[in-house]
């Protein structure tokens, strides 16, 4: 979306989407007073959503390729059985930065975005969770942990590469402290 600032109206005037049609023009009055034209270009959220989806797909393809290579390199069946058992185990605990990214994407899909045709699209929470690739229940829990961590002063920047268990422990300890303080009163 492309806009320019009109000092006479003291607001941004929407021109259209890229590429602009030849019929779009800027009033000469806007240029005479300031000798400068202020242009605002906004990319749609769709690009960010597509990028996050692509990163998720690339990560999954990479993990699948690593798994295939691991199976090809192993010749005896006992190792293959062990790998199948390991594969069925729970996914490793996610990093805090990854959790924040997934929850933000999930909420963005739920609250809505404009697609490439300019149509506003929003999804139910369950459908958005399926797009993100994590269950709604897990995403709800992550959102609760993030909100509590923010409320209690957890430093997300310094702990971004830590596992989500660090945040859970912090929130649990803080809640336990506040519960014991309330019981003493």
Protein backbone atom coordinates (compact mmCIF):
# COMPACT_ATOMS: atom_id res chain seq x y z
CA UNK A 1 0.00 0.00 0.00
CA UNK A 2 1.45 3.35 -1.03
CA UNK A 3 0.48 6.72 0.48
CA UNK A 4 1.89 10.23 0.44
CA UNK A 5 1.69 12.96 3.07
CA UNK A 6 -0.48 15.97 2.21
CA UNK A 7 0.56 18.88 4.49
CA UNK A 8 -2.56 20.86 3.55
CA UNK A 9 -4.83 18.12 4.89
CA UNK A 10 -2.29 17.01 7.52
CA UNK A 11 -2.77 13.34 6.68
CA UNK A 12 -1.56 10.55 4.43
CA UNK A 13 -3.43 10.11 1.14
CA UNK A 14 -3.77 6.52 -0.07
CA UNK A 15 -2.60 6.07 -3.70
CA UNK A 16 -3.10 2.33 -4.16
CA UNK A 17 -1.16 -0.90 -4.29
CA UNK A 18 2.07 -1.50 -6.16
CA UNK A 19 2.25 -1.17 -9.14
CA UNK A 20 0.39 2.12 -9.16
CA UNK A 21 -1.84 2.85 -12.15
CA UNK A 22 -0.76 5.78 -14.38
CA UNK A 23 -3.87 7.72 -13.36
CA UNK A 24 -2.48 8.29 -9.82
CA UNK A 25 -0.98 11.73 -9.29
CA UNK A 26 0.23 13.96 -6.44
CA UNK A 27 -1.15 17.47 -6.13
CA UNK A 28 1.39 20.18 -6.91
CA UNK A 29 0.32 22.03 -3.74
CA UNK A 30 1.92 19.27 -1.68
CA UNK A 31 5.30 19.92 -3.28
CA UNK A 32 5.32 23.73 -3.35
CA UNK A 33 5.31 24.32 0.39
CA UNK A 34 7.89 21.75 1.48
CA UNK A 35 9.89 20.88 -1.65
CA UNK A 36 9.84 17.33 -0.41
CA UNK A 37 7.38 14.51 -0.83
CA UNK A 38 6.96 12.10 2.07
CA UNK A 39 5.92 8.64 0.89
CA UNK A 40 4.80 5.76 3.09
CA UNK A 41 5.00 2.21 1.76
CA UNK A 42 3.44 -0.61 3.74
CA UNK A 43 3.87 -4.22 2.89
CA UNK A 44 0.94 -6.43 3.77
CA UNK A 45 1.10 -8.87 6.65
CA UNK A 46 0.63 -11.62 4.11
CA UNK A 47 4.34 -11.42 3.26
CA UNK A 48 5.32 -12.05 6.87
CA UNK A 49 2.82 -14.87 7.21
CA UNK A 50 4.07 -16.48 4.00
CA UNK A 51 7.63 -16.11 5.20
CA UNK A 52 6.88 -17.79 8.54
CA UNK A 53 5.01 -20.62 6.79
CA UNK A 54 7.92 -21.09 4.38
CA UNK A 55 10.40 -21.21 7.27
CA UNK A 56 8.27 -23.88 8.93
CA UNK A 57 8.09 -25.91 5.70
CA UNK A 58 11.84 -25.57 5.14
CA UNK A 59 12.56 -26.65 8.71
CA UNK A 60 10.30 -29.71 8.32
CA UNK A 61 11.89 -30.65 4.97
CA UNK A 62 15.35 -30.31 6.51
CA UNK A 63 14.41 -32.57 9.44
CA UNK A 64 12.87 -35.11 7.04
CA UNK A 65 16.05 -35.14 4.92
CA UNK A 66 18.23 -35.63 7.99
CA UNK A 67 16.01 -38.53 9.08
CA UNK A 68 16.22 -40.13 5.61
CA UNK A 69 20.00 -39.78 5.54
CA UNK A 70 20.18 -41.35 9.00
CA UNK A 71 18.15 -44.35 7.82
CA UNK A 72 20.28 -44.76 4.68
CA UNK A 73 23.52 -44.80 6.64
CA UNK A 74 22.39 -47.48 9.07
CA UNK A 75 22.52 -51.03 7.82
CA UNK A 76 21.29 -53.28 10.60
CA UNK A 77 17.68 -53.50 11.67
CA UNK A 78 18.25 -52.94 15.40
CA UNK A 79 19.35 -49.37 14.77
CA UNK A 80 16.31 -48.82 12.56
CA UNK A 81 14.00 -50.05 15.32
CA UNK A 82 15.70 -47.69 17.80
CA UNK A 83 15.25 -44.76 15.40
CA UNK A 84 11.57 -45.58 14.92
CA UNK A 85 11.12 -45.57 18.69
CA UNK A 86 12.97 -42.26 18.98
CA UNK A 87 10.88 -40.73 16.21
CA UNK A 88 7.64 -41.57 18.03
CA UNK A 89 8.85 -39.76 21.16
CA UNK A 90 7.67 -36.27 22.01
CA UNK A 91 9.09 -33.33 20.05
CA UNK A 92 11.96 -31.57 21.79
CA UNK A 93 10.99 -28.68 24.02
CA UNK A 94 10.72 -25.51 21.94
CA UNK A 95 12.82 -22.40 22.43
CA UNK A 96 11.16 -19.28 23.84
CA UNK A 97 11.83 -17.29 20.66
CA UNK A 98 10.21 -20.03 18.56
CA UNK A 99 7.20 -20.15 20.89
CA UNK A 100 6.73 -16.38 20.70
CA UNK A 101 6.95 -16.52 16.90
CA UNK A 102 4.40 -19.35 16.66
CA UNK A 103 1.95 -17.72 19.09
CA UNK A 104 2.24 -14.38 17.28
CA UNK A 105 1.56 -16.06 13.94
CA UNK A 106 -1.39 -17.97 15.42
CA UNK A 107 -2.96 -14.80 16.83
CA UNK A 108 -2.26 -12.88 13.60
CA UNK A 109 -4.07 -15.53 11.58
CA UNK A 110 -6.97 -15.40 14.04
CA UNK A 111 -7.20 -11.59 14.10
CA UNK A 112 -6.94 -11.45 10.31
CA UNK A 113 -4.75 -10.15 7.50
CA UNK A 114 -5.10 -8.93 3.93
CA UNK A 115 -4.25 -11.47 1.22
CA UNK A 116 -2.55 -10.62 -2.09
CA UNK A 117 -5.93 -9.67 -3.61
CA UNK A 118 -6.65 -7.16 -0.85
CA UNK A 119 -9.32 -9.38 0.73
CA UNK A 120 -9.44 -9.50 4.52
CA UNK A 121 -8.99 -13.07 5.77
CA UNK A 122 -9.33 -14.33 9.33
CA UNK A 123 -9.57 -17.86 10.70
CA UNK A 124 -11.02 -19.58 13.74
CA UNK A 125 -8.46 -20.37 16.44
CA UNK A 126 -8.51 -24.11 15.69
CA UNK A 127 -7.90 -23.60 11.96
CA UNK A 128 -5.14 -21.06 12.66
CA UNK A 129 -3.51 -23.56 15.02
CA UNK A 130 -3.57 -26.20 12.29
CA UNK A 131 -1.86 -23.75 9.89
CA UNK A 132 0.84 -23.06 12.48
CA UNK A 133 1.31 -26.79 13.05
CA UNK A 134 0.81 -26.82 16.83
CA UNK A 135 -2.34 -27.84 18.70
CA UNK A 136 -4.68 -25.11 19.94
CA UNK A 137 -4.37 -26.40 23.50
CA UNK A 138 -0.57 -26.06 23.42
CA UNK A 139 -0.75 -22.59 21.86
CA UNK A 140 -3.27 -21.50 24.54
CA UNK A 141 -0.86 -22.71 27.21
CA UNK A 142 2.08 -20.92 25.56
CA UNK A 143 0.05 -17.69 25.37
CA UNK A 144 -0.82 -17.97 29.07
CA UNK A 145 2.85 -18.56 29.97
CA UNK A 146 3.95 -15.56 27.87
CA UNK A 147 1.32 -13.27 29.43
CA UNK A 148 2.21 -14.36 32.96
CA UNK A 149 5.92 -14.01 32.23
CA UNK A 150 5.36 -10.49 30.95
CA UNK A 151 3.22 -9.64 33.98
CA UNK A 152 5.86 -10.92 36.42
CA UNK A 153 8.81 -9.27 34.65
CA UNK A 154 10.44 -12.16 32.80
CA UNK A 155 13.29 -11.00 30.53
CA UNK A 156 12.36 -12.49 27.15
CA UNK A 157 15.29 -10.91 25.28
CA UNK A 158 18.04 -12.46 27.38
CA UNK A 159 16.28 -15.84 27.53
CA UNK A 160 15.18 -16.06 23.87
CA UNK A 161 17.41 -19.06 23.14
CA UNK A 162 16.42 -20.93 26.32
CA UNK A 163 13.81 -23.67 26.38
CA UNK A 164 10.21 -22.83 27.30
CA UNK A 165 10.67 -24.74 30.56
CA UNK A 166 12.69 -21.80 31.91
CA UNK A 167 9.65 -19.54 31.46
CA UNK A 168 7.34 -22.16 33.01
CA UNK A 169 9.63 -22.47 36.04
CA UNK A 170 9.85 -18.68 36.43
CA UNK A 171 6.06 -18.28 36.31
CA UNK A 172 5.51 -21.19 38.71
CA UNK A 173 8.04 -19.82 41.23
CA UNK A 174 6.52 -16.35 41.06
CA UNK A 175 2.99 -17.72 41.52
CA UNK A 176 4.15 -19.85 44.46
CA UNK A 177 5.75 -16.77 46.06
CA UNK A 178 2.62 -14.66 45.62
CA UNK A 179 0.42 -17.49 46.97
CA UNK A 180 2.60 -17.90 50.07
CA UNK A 181 2.57 -14.12 50.63
CA UNK A 182 -1.24 -14.06 50.44
CA UNK A 183 -1.52 -16.97 52.89
CA UNK A 184 0.71 -15.15 55.41
CA UNK A 185 -1.57 -12.09 55.34
